[in-house]
């Protein structure tokens, strides 16, 4: 463990420059005293590391010192080659760069680790795109990406779901997030966190003004707030349904976000009872896609909503005269 920690300190100093002892202690989950002992051990081993005290002090390597040691273990080497599907890298224009980087990493790996790393890359693939997601509008991330890396404000023309006309916003971007195959721009608008689906951005114009992010706030912090806001929104409407076993797996996949409790399944019965949570009654109309393979047991207002919707569809297809429809 100590050798891994020494190598971690060395690599952190090599990539970050001057780092304070408390910061190293926090990253390595050890005490500040342990960090100083490790620095002394590095110095005794011939590494040109020194400590500068004072308000702006820290621990630093002698200017120009570099080491080519990767220090990767067998598991760490394999982890690098467990790759997501190429879509994310291609969307950012980094697919060729990724392939080149992996070739360089492979060449730098200790020889005993290379076969396992290569095998992992050919045997494990992570595809973050959901099944049955349907066709999506092509997304051009180039302008959004340029603004994010140049730390510039953005003017967006953005179409909200259910609205035909786009609206215009000036935002301060933190970064881009790919969630289940969908790209989002995470940004502040008037100092408040907002989430913009990239495929709903109709145009994006970088402004000359520098970005105005909240001090000390990073992309991961804003994303966590927005993610919780979406996932933990109050349902307010509990719906009990029974589902034919033959459609249970599909039901669970398509309704995972609305599932309030695991189904009451004895593994034998033809019907399985489940409980869903919706924000409004109208959201339950999605259950009509399962036809007679799902029945809403309660509440009565949802049964009435689905009955009215089904009657409306039935009437539409019963019309004999379709002129003007």
Protein backbone atom coordinates (compact mmCIF):
# COMPACT_ATOMS: atom_id res chain seq x y z
CA UNK A 1 0.00 0.00 0.00
CA UNK A 2 2.80 2.43 0.79
CA UNK A 3 4.49 1.87 -2.58
CA UNK A 4 1.17 2.60 -4.36
CA UNK A 5 0.78 5.75 -2.27
CA UNK A 6 4.30 6.95 -3.05
CA UNK A 7 3.69 6.44 -6.75
CA UNK A 8 0.36 8.29 -6.51
CA UNK A 9 2.08 11.26 -4.85
CA UNK A 10 4.76 11.26 -7.54
CA UNK A 11 2.24 11.20 -10.39
CA UNK A 12 0.07 13.86 -8.78
CA UNK A 13 3.02 16.19 -8.37
CA UNK A 14 4.12 15.48 -11.92
CA UNK A 15 0.72 16.34 -13.38
CA UNK A 16 -0.46 19.06 -10.98
CA UNK A 17 2.75 20.88 -10.08
CA UNK A 18 2.70 22.32 -6.57
CA UNK A 19 0.15 20.62 -4.28
CA UNK A 20 -0.46 21.29 -0.61
CA UNK A 21 -0.02 18.55 1.97
CA UNK A 22 -3.67 18.77 3.14
CA UNK A 23 -4.86 18.31 -0.45
CA UNK A 24 -2.65 15.26 -0.93
CA UNK A 25 -3.84 13.88 2.40
CA UNK A 26 -7.48 14.28 1.36
CA UNK A 27 -6.94 12.64 -2.04
CA UNK A 28 -5.02 9.70 -0.58
CA UNK A 29 -7.21 9.43 2.54
CA UNK A 30 -4.29 9.61 4.96
CA UNK A 31 -3.08 12.13 7.53
CA UNK A 32 -0.95 15.16 6.69
CA UNK A 33 1.81 13.68 8.85
CA UNK A 34 1.78 10.53 6.67
CA UNK A 35 2.09 12.69 3.56
CA UNK A 36 5.21 14.38 4.93
CA UNK A 37 6.71 10.99 5.83
CA UNK A 38 6.02 9.77 2.29
CA UNK A 39 7.65 12.87 0.82
CA UNK A 40 10.75 12.17 2.91
CA UNK A 41 10.74 8.58 1.61
CA UNK A 42 10.59 9.83 -1.99
CA UNK A 43 13.45 12.22 -1.35
CA UNK A 44 15.53 9.44 0.22
CA UNK A 45 14.88 7.35 -2.91
CA UNK A 46 16.41 10.05 -5.09
CA UNK A 47 13.28 11.84 -6.27
CA UNK A 48 13.94 15.63 -6.34
CA UNK A 49 10.93 16.66 -4.27
CA UNK A 50 10.90 19.60 -1.88
CA UNK A 51 8.49 21.35 0.46
CA UNK A 52 7.96 25.10 0.56
CA UNK A 53 6.27 26.49 3.63
CA UNK A 54 4.09 29.56 3.92
CA UNK A 55 0.70 30.72 2.74
CA UNK A 56 1.37 29.89 -0.91
CA UNK A 57 3.63 26.93 -0.22
CA UNK A 58 3.24 23.27 -0.98
CA UNK A 59 5.04 20.16 -2.16
CA UNK A 60 6.66 20.23 -5.57
CA UNK A 61 9.06 18.38 -7.86
CA UNK A 62 12.22 20.03 -9.12
CA UNK A 63 11.48 21.81 -12.41
CA UNK A 64 12.07 19.58 -15.43
CA UNK A 65 11.94 16.29 -13.55
CA UNK A 66 9.82 13.64 -15.28
CA UNK A 67 9.37 9.93 -14.89
CA UNK A 68 8.00 7.53 -17.47
CA UNK A 69 6.92 5.02 -14.83
CA UNK A 70 3.21 4.21 -15.17
CA UNK A 71 2.99 2.08 -12.06
CA UNK A 72 -0.17 0.43 -13.36
CA UNK A 73 -1.25 -2.83 -11.78
CA UNK A 74 -2.80 -5.64 -13.81
CA UNK A 75 -6.34 -4.65 -12.78
CA UNK A 76 -5.68 -0.96 -13.49
CA UNK A 77 -4.39 -1.86 -16.95
CA UNK A 78 -7.52 -3.88 -17.70
CA UNK A 79 -9.77 -1.10 -16.40
CA UNK A 80 -8.39 1.33 -18.97
CA UNK A 81 -9.51 -0.95 -21.80
CA UNK A 82 -13.11 -1.42 -20.64
CA UNK A 83 -14.47 1.06 -23.12
CA UNK A 84 -17.84 2.59 -23.72
CA UNK A 85 -19.29 2.34 -27.22
CA UNK A 86 -17.65 4.73 -29.68
CA UNK A 87 -20.70 7.00 -30.00
CA UNK A 88 -19.68 9.28 -27.12
CA UNK A 89 -16.15 9.79 -28.39
CA UNK A 90 -17.32 10.20 -31.98
CA UNK A 91 -19.83 12.88 -30.94
CA UNK A 92 -16.96 14.85 -29.40
CA UNK A 93 -14.70 14.24 -32.39
CA UNK A 94 -12.35 12.19 -30.22
CA UNK A 95 -12.74 8.67 -31.61
CA UNK A 96 -9.46 8.80 -33.56
CA UNK A 97 -7.69 10.42 -30.60
CA UNK A 98 -8.99 7.69 -28.28
CA UNK A 99 -7.69 4.93 -30.52
CA UNK A 100 -4.29 6.63 -30.72
CA UNK A 101 -4.16 7.16 -26.95
CA UNK A 102 -4.94 3.52 -26.25
CA UNK A 103 -2.19 2.38 -28.60
CA UNK A 104 0.26 4.56 -26.66
CA UNK A 105 -1.00 3.28 -23.31
CA UNK A 106 -0.66 -0.31 -24.54
CA UNK A 107 2.93 0.36 -25.59
CA UNK A 108 3.72 1.87 -22.18
CA UNK A 109 2.20 -0.98 -20.16
CA UNK A 110 4.48 -3.49 -18.48
CA UNK A 111 4.82 -6.43 -20.87
CA UNK A 112 3.11 -8.97 -18.54
CA UNK A 113 -0.05 -6.82 -18.42
CA UNK A 114 -0.50 -6.31 -22.17
CA UNK A 115 -2.26 -9.60 -23.07
CA UNK A 116 -4.89 -9.14 -20.35
CA UNK A 117 -5.50 -5.52 -21.33
CA UNK A 118 -5.87 -6.45 -25.00
CA UNK A 119 -8.24 -9.32 -24.16
CA UNK A 120 -10.38 -7.03 -21.98
CA UNK A 121 -10.76 -4.55 -24.82
CA UNK A 122 -12.01 -7.32 -27.12
CA UNK A 123 -14.24 -9.11 -24.60
CA UNK A 124 -15.97 -6.25 -22.71
CA UNK A 125 -18.03 -3.45 -24.24
CA UNK A 126 -20.18 -0.91 -22.40
CA UNK A 127 -23.03 0.52 -24.48
CA UNK A 128 -24.83 3.25 -22.52
CA UNK A 129 -27.68 3.67 -25.01
CA UNK A 130 -31.08 2.42 -23.83
CA UNK A 131 -33.07 -0.15 -25.78
CA UNK A 132 -36.12 1.06 -27.70
CA UNK A 133 -34.97 4.63 -27.42
CA UNK A 134 -36.34 5.48 -30.87
CA UNK A 135 -34.74 7.71 -33.50
CA UNK A 136 -33.05 10.86 -32.27
CA UNK A 137 -32.27 14.12 -33.98
CA UNK A 138 -28.64 14.38 -35.06
CA UNK A 139 -26.59 16.39 -32.56
CA UNK A 140 -23.71 18.71 -33.45
CA UNK A 141 -21.72 19.23 -30.26
CA UNK A 142 -18.93 21.22 -31.87
CA UNK A 143 -20.12 24.72 -30.89
CA UNK A 144 -21.19 23.63 -27.41
CA UNK A 145 -17.86 21.90 -26.87
CA UNK A 146 -15.89 24.93 -28.09
CA UNK A 147 -17.73 27.23 -25.69
CA UNK A 148 -17.22 24.84 -22.79
CA UNK A 149 -13.46 24.59 -23.32
CA UNK A 150 -13.02 28.29 -24.16
CA UNK A 151 -14.95 29.33 -21.01
CA UNK A 152 -17.36 31.52 -23.00
CA UNK A 153 -20.99 32.34 -22.41
CA UNK A 154 -23.49 30.91 -24.89
CA UNK A 155 -26.63 32.24 -26.52
CA UNK A 156 -29.00 29.34 -27.21
CA UNK A 157 -32.14 29.01 -29.27
CA UNK A 158 -33.77 26.09 -27.50
CA UNK A 159 -37.01 24.23 -28.14
CA UNK A 160 -38.68 22.83 -25.03
CA UNK A 161 -40.64 19.60 -25.17
CA UNK A 162 -44.23 20.28 -26.22
CA UNK A 163 -43.44 23.73 -27.63
CA UNK A 164 -43.18 24.45 -31.35
CA UNK A 165 -41.22 27.70 -31.12
CA UNK A 166 -37.69 27.90 -29.68
CA UNK A 167 -36.81 30.32 -26.90
CA UNK A 168 -33.59 32.29 -26.53
CA UNK A 169 -31.37 31.98 -23.45
CA UNK A 170 -27.97 33.31 -22.43
CA UNK A 171 -26.24 30.70 -20.30
CA UNK A 172 -22.97 30.03 -18.50
CA UNK A 173 -21.88 26.47 -19.36
CA UNK A 174 -20.17 24.09 -16.93
CA UNK A 175 -19.81 21.21 -19.36
CA UNK A 176 -21.42 18.39 -21.31
CA UNK A 177 -22.90 15.19 -19.89
CA UNK A 178 -23.90 12.02 -21.74
CA UNK A 179 -26.74 10.28 -19.90
CA UNK A 180 -27.96 6.95 -21.31
CA UNK A 181 -26.89 7.99 -24.80
CA UNK A 182 -28.44 11.49 -24.60
CA UNK A 183 -26.18 14.55 -24.51
CA UNK A 184 -26.98 17.44 -22.16
CA UNK A 185 -25.48 20.89 -21.71
CA UNK A 186 -25.17 21.71 -18.00
CA UNK A 187 -25.22 25.47 -17.45
CA UNK A 188 -26.31 28.29 -15.18
CA UNK A 189 -28.98 30.73 -16.32
CA UNK A 190 -29.14 33.83 -14.17
CA UNK A 191 -27.13 32.00 -11.53
CA UNK A 192 -29.43 28.98 -11.36
CA UNK A 193 -28.56 25.47 -12.62
CA UNK A 194 -30.31 24.37 -15.82
CA UNK A 195 -30.24 21.31 -18.06
CA UNK A 196 -30.50 21.60 -21.86
CA UNK A 197 -30.85 18.57 -24.13
CA UNK A 198 -28.37 18.98 -26.95
CA UNK A 199 -30.80 17.61 -29.55
CA UNK A 200 -33.24 20.42 -28.73
CA UNK A 201 -30.68 23.18 -29.28
CA UNK A 202 -31.63 24.82 -32.56
CA UNK A 203 -28.63 27.17 -32.60
CA UNK A 204 -25.75 28.06 -30.29
CA UNK A 205 -23.61 31.18 -30.50
CA UNK A 206 -20.52 31.68 -28.31
CA UNK A 207 -20.32 35.20 -26.91
CA UNK A 208 -17.25 37.32 -26.36
CA UNK A 209 -18.00 37.51 -22.64
CA UNK A 210 -16.20 35.06 -20.35
CA UNK A 211 -18.32 32.50 -18.54
CA UNK A 212 -19.74 33.50 -15.15
CA UNK A 213 -19.74 30.35 -13.06
CA UNK A 214 -20.47 30.28 -9.36
CA UNK A 215 -17.18 30.26 -7.40
CA UNK A 216 -15.99 26.83 -6.34
CA UNK A 217 -18.74 24.99 -8.24
CA UNK A 218 -17.74 22.26 -10.71
CA UNK A 219 -19.61 20.33 -13.39
CA UNK A 220 -20.03 17.27 -11.16
CA UNK A 221 -21.62 19.42 -8.42
CA UNK A 222 -24.19 20.99 -10.75
CA UNK A 223 -24.96 17.66 -12.42
CA UNK A 224 -25.65 16.03 -9.05
CA UNK A 225 -28.15 18.78 -8.18
CA UNK A 226 -29.92 18.50 -11.55
CA UNK A 227 -29.87 14.70 -11.53
CA UNK A 228 -31.49 14.58 -8.10
CA UNK A 229 -34.06 17.15 -9.20
CA UNK A 230 -35.15 14.87 -12.04
CA UNK A 231 -34.96 11.55 -10.22
CA UNK A 232 -36.44 12.65 -6.90
CA UNK A 233 -39.31 14.77 -8.16
CA UNK A 234 -42.48 14.05 -6.14
CA UNK A 235 -44.85 11.61 -7.81
CA UNK A 236 -48.06 12.49 -5.98
CA UNK A 237 -50.21 9.87 -7.74
CA UNK A 238 -49.88 6.19 -6.80
CA UNK A 239 -51.25 3.74 -9.36
CA UNK A 240 -51.69 0.01 -8.78
CA UNK A 241 -51.66 -2.18 -11.88
CA UNK A 242 -51.59 -5.85 -12.75
CA UNK A 243 -49.38 -7.00 -15.60
CA UNK A 244 -49.45 -10.23 -17.59
CA UNK A 245 -46.29 -12.20 -16.85
CA UNK A 246 -45.52 -12.46 -20.57
CA UNK A 247 -45.00 -8.67 -20.66
CA UNK A 248 -43.48 -8.18 -17.22
CA UNK A 249 -39.86 -7.76 -18.36
CA UNK A 250 -40.80 -5.16 -21.01
CA UNK A 251 -43.07 -3.39 -18.50
CA UNK A 252 -40.24 -3.11 -15.97
CA UNK A 253 -37.78 -1.77 -18.55
CA UNK A 254 -40.14 0.88 -19.92
CA UNK A 255 -41.48 1.99 -16.55
CA UNK A 256 -38.35 1.86 -14.40
CA UNK A 257 -38.46 5.62 -13.75
CA UNK A 258 -42.06 5.45 -12.48
CA UNK A 259 -41.83 2.23 -10.47
CA UNK A 260 -42.68 2.94 -6.83
CA UNK A 261 -42.02 -0.58 -5.53
CA UNK A 262 -40.85 -3.93 -6.80
CA UNK A 263 -43.69 -6.07 -8.21
CA UNK A 264 -45.43 -8.57 -5.95
CA UNK A 265 -44.35 -11.66 -7.90
CA UNK A 266 -44.83 -15.23 -6.70
CA UNK A 267 -43.18 -16.60 -9.84
CA UNK A 268 -46.27 -18.62 -10.80
CA UNK A 269 -49.38 -16.46 -11.30
CA UNK A 270 -50.37 -15.26 -14.77
CA UNK A 271 -50.80 -11.70 -13.45
CA UNK A 272 -48.24 -9.72 -11.41
CA UNK A 273 -49.18 -6.71 -9.28
CA UNK A 274 -47.02 -3.57 -9.41
CA UNK A 275 -47.22 -0.01 -8.12
CA UNK A 276 -46.31 3.11 -10.12
CA UNK A 277 -46.02 6.77 -9.20
CA UNK A 278 -46.93 9.59 -11.60
CA UNK A 279 -46.96 13.36 -11.36
CA UNK A 280 -50.32 13.80 -13.09
CA UNK A 281 -53.14 11.53 -14.25
CA UNK A 282 -52.34 12.04 -17.94
CA UNK A 283 -48.92 10.40 -17.60
CA UNK A 284 -50.65 7.04 -17.05
CA UNK A 285 -51.85 7.06 -20.68
CA UNK A 286 -48.51 5.49 -21.60
CA UNK A 287 -49.88 2.24 -20.16
CA UNK A 288 -52.31 1.98 -23.10
CA UNK A 289 -49.38 0.84 -25.23
CA UNK A 290 -49.67 -2.54 -23.47
CA UNK A 291 -53.31 -2.98 -24.49
CA UNK A 292 -55.14 -5.64 -22.47
CA UNK A 293 -51.88 -6.93 -20.99
CA UNK A 294 -52.03 -4.29 -18.25
CA UNK A 295 -55.02 -3.38 -16.10
CA UNK A 296 -55.11 -0.42 -13.73
CA UNK A 297 -56.68 -1.57 -10.46
CA UNK A 298 -56.73 1.81 -8.72
CA UNK A 299 -57.31 4.71 -8.38
CA UNK A 300 -60.63 5.12 -10.17
CA UNK A 301 -59.60 8.46 -11.71
CA UNK A 302 -56.81 6.75 -13.65
CA UNK A 303 -59.14 3.95 -14.80
CA UNK A 304 -61.56 6.61 -16.02
CA UNK A 305 -58.75 8.48 -17.80
CA UNK A 306 -57.62 5.36 -19.67
CA UNK A 307 -61.19 4.34 -20.48
CA UNK A 308 -61.89 7.77 -21.97
CA UNK A 309 -58.66 7.70 -23.96
CA UNK A 310 -59.40 4.20 -25.28
CA UNK A 311 -62.97 5.21 -26.23
CA UNK A 312 -61.63 8.23 -28.09
CA UNK A 313 -59.24 6.08 -30.10
CA UNK A 314 -61.98 3.52 -30.79
CA UNK A 315 -64.30 6.25 -32.07
CA UNK A 316 -61.57 7.62 -34.31
CA UNK A 317 -61.11 4.30 -36.11
CA UNK A 318 -64.83 3.52 -36.29
CA UNK A 319 -65.62 6.56 -38.40
CA UNK A 320 -66.84 5.57 -41.81
CA UNK A 321 -66.42 8.93 -43.49
CA UNK A 322 -62.75 9.90 -43.24
CA UNK A 323 -62.94 12.90 -45.54
CA UNK A 324 -61.16 15.86 -44.06
CA UNK A 325 -59.48 13.79 -41.36
